[in-house]
């Protein structure tokens, strides 16, 4: 099962454009989450997170989820910069 239930527009509405752009600008990393459905889809899960304060003053975390094809990651020879990162699934706020 993929994470990232919020669209970019919903994340901007809840967290603000600056926070969304900040998390998108961070380096993402493997989540190390094992999920049979991700295996069947042939993707790996990567994520990046940033701390934020919502409009009610509550500290939260905005996470962006990426799902690149396994073949791209497996064949990048350690150079993750060569992977197509235009694969954002969505965002979550915890």
Protein backbone atom coordinates (compact mmCIF):
# COMPACT_ATOMS: atom_id res chain seq x y z
CA UNK A 1 0.00 0.00 0.00
CA UNK A 2 1.33 3.40 -0.95
CA UNK A 3 1.54 6.32 1.43
CA UNK A 4 0.87 9.94 0.53
CA UNK A 5 -2.87 10.46 0.68
CA UNK A 6 -2.71 14.26 0.19
CA UNK A 7 -2.22 15.89 -3.18
CA UNK A 8 0.31 18.69 -3.55
CA UNK A 9 -2.52 21.22 -3.54
CA UNK A 10 -3.95 19.79 -0.31
CA UNK A 11 -0.50 19.81 1.30
CA UNK A 12 -0.03 23.46 0.30
CA UNK A 13 -3.45 24.32 1.75
CA UNK A 14 -2.61 22.66 5.08
CA UNK A 15 1.13 23.31 5.41
CA UNK A 16 1.80 26.30 3.16
CA UNK A 17 3.72 26.58 -0.10
CA UNK A 18 7.05 27.29 1.60
CA UNK A 19 6.91 24.10 3.67
CA UNK A 20 5.93 21.97 0.66
CA UNK A 21 8.76 23.44 -1.42
CA UNK A 22 11.16 22.85 1.48
CA UNK A 23 10.30 19.13 1.79
CA UNK A 24 10.46 18.70 -2.00
CA UNK A 25 13.93 20.23 -1.96
CA UNK A 26 15.29 17.75 0.58
CA UNK A 27 17.14 14.58 -0.33
CA UNK A 28 14.86 11.60 0.09
CA UNK A 29 15.92 8.18 1.29
CA UNK A 30 14.68 4.58 1.31
CA UNK A 31 11.99 4.04 3.93
CA UNK A 32 13.03 0.37 4.24
CA UNK A 33 9.36 -0.51 4.44
CA UNK A 34 8.64 -4.00 3.09
CA UNK A 35 5.26 -4.33 1.44
CA UNK A 36 4.10 -7.07 -0.89
CA UNK A 37 1.99 -4.68 -2.96
CA UNK A 38 5.03 -2.46 -3.61
CA UNK A 39 6.97 -5.53 -4.72
CA UNK A 40 4.18 -6.49 -7.08
CA UNK A 41 4.10 -2.94 -8.50
CA UNK A 42 7.87 -3.02 -9.00
CA UNK A 43 8.62 0.15 -7.01
CA UNK A 44 10.64 1.20 -3.98
CA UNK A 45 9.39 3.67 -1.39
CA UNK A 46 11.45 6.78 -0.65
CA UNK A 47 10.46 9.68 1.58
CA UNK A 48 11.63 13.03 2.92
CA UNK A 49 10.15 14.85 5.94
CA UNK A 50 10.21 18.29 7.47
CA UNK A 51 8.92 19.53 10.81
CA UNK A 52 6.27 22.22 10.69
CA UNK A 53 3.71 24.02 12.83
CA UNK A 54 0.12 23.96 11.58
CA UNK A 55 -2.28 26.91 11.62
CA UNK A 56 -3.46 25.87 15.11
CA UNK A 57 0.10 25.99 16.46
CA UNK A 58 0.50 22.22 16.67
CA UNK A 59 3.89 20.72 15.76
CA UNK A 60 3.55 18.25 12.91
CA UNK A 61 5.64 16.52 10.25
CA UNK A 62 5.07 16.85 6.50
CA UNK A 63 6.32 13.85 4.53
CA UNK A 64 6.55 13.51 0.75
CA UNK A 65 6.58 9.99 -0.76
CA UNK A 66 8.35 8.93 -3.95
CA UNK A 67 7.90 5.59 -5.74
CA UNK A 68 10.57 5.12 -8.43
CA UNK A 69 10.69 1.94 -10.49
CA UNK A 70 12.85 -0.76 -8.95
CA UNK A 71 14.66 -1.25 -12.25
CA UNK A 72 15.84 2.38 -12.25
CA UNK A 73 17.12 2.16 -8.69
CA UNK A 74 18.67 -1.29 -9.15
CA UNK A 75 20.49 -0.21 -12.32
CA UNK A 76 21.72 3.23 -11.18
CA UNK A 77 25.06 1.81 -9.98
CA UNK A 78 24.88 3.74 -6.73
CA UNK A 79 24.13 7.09 -8.42
CA UNK A 80 20.62 7.84 -7.17
CA UNK A 81 20.85 11.21 -8.93
CA UNK A 82 20.29 9.36 -12.20
CA UNK A 83 16.89 8.08 -11.03
CA UNK A 84 13.81 9.89 -12.35
CA UNK A 85 12.47 11.57 -9.20
CA UNK A 86 9.35 12.89 -10.93
CA UNK A 87 7.42 10.14 -9.14
CA UNK A 88 5.82 11.86 -6.15
CA UNK A 89 2.82 9.86 -4.97
CA UNK A 90 1.62 12.36 -2.40
CA UNK A 91 2.07 13.86 1.03
CA UNK A 92 1.11 13.02 4.60
CA UNK A 93 0.91 15.25 7.66
CA UNK A 94 1.39 13.59 11.03
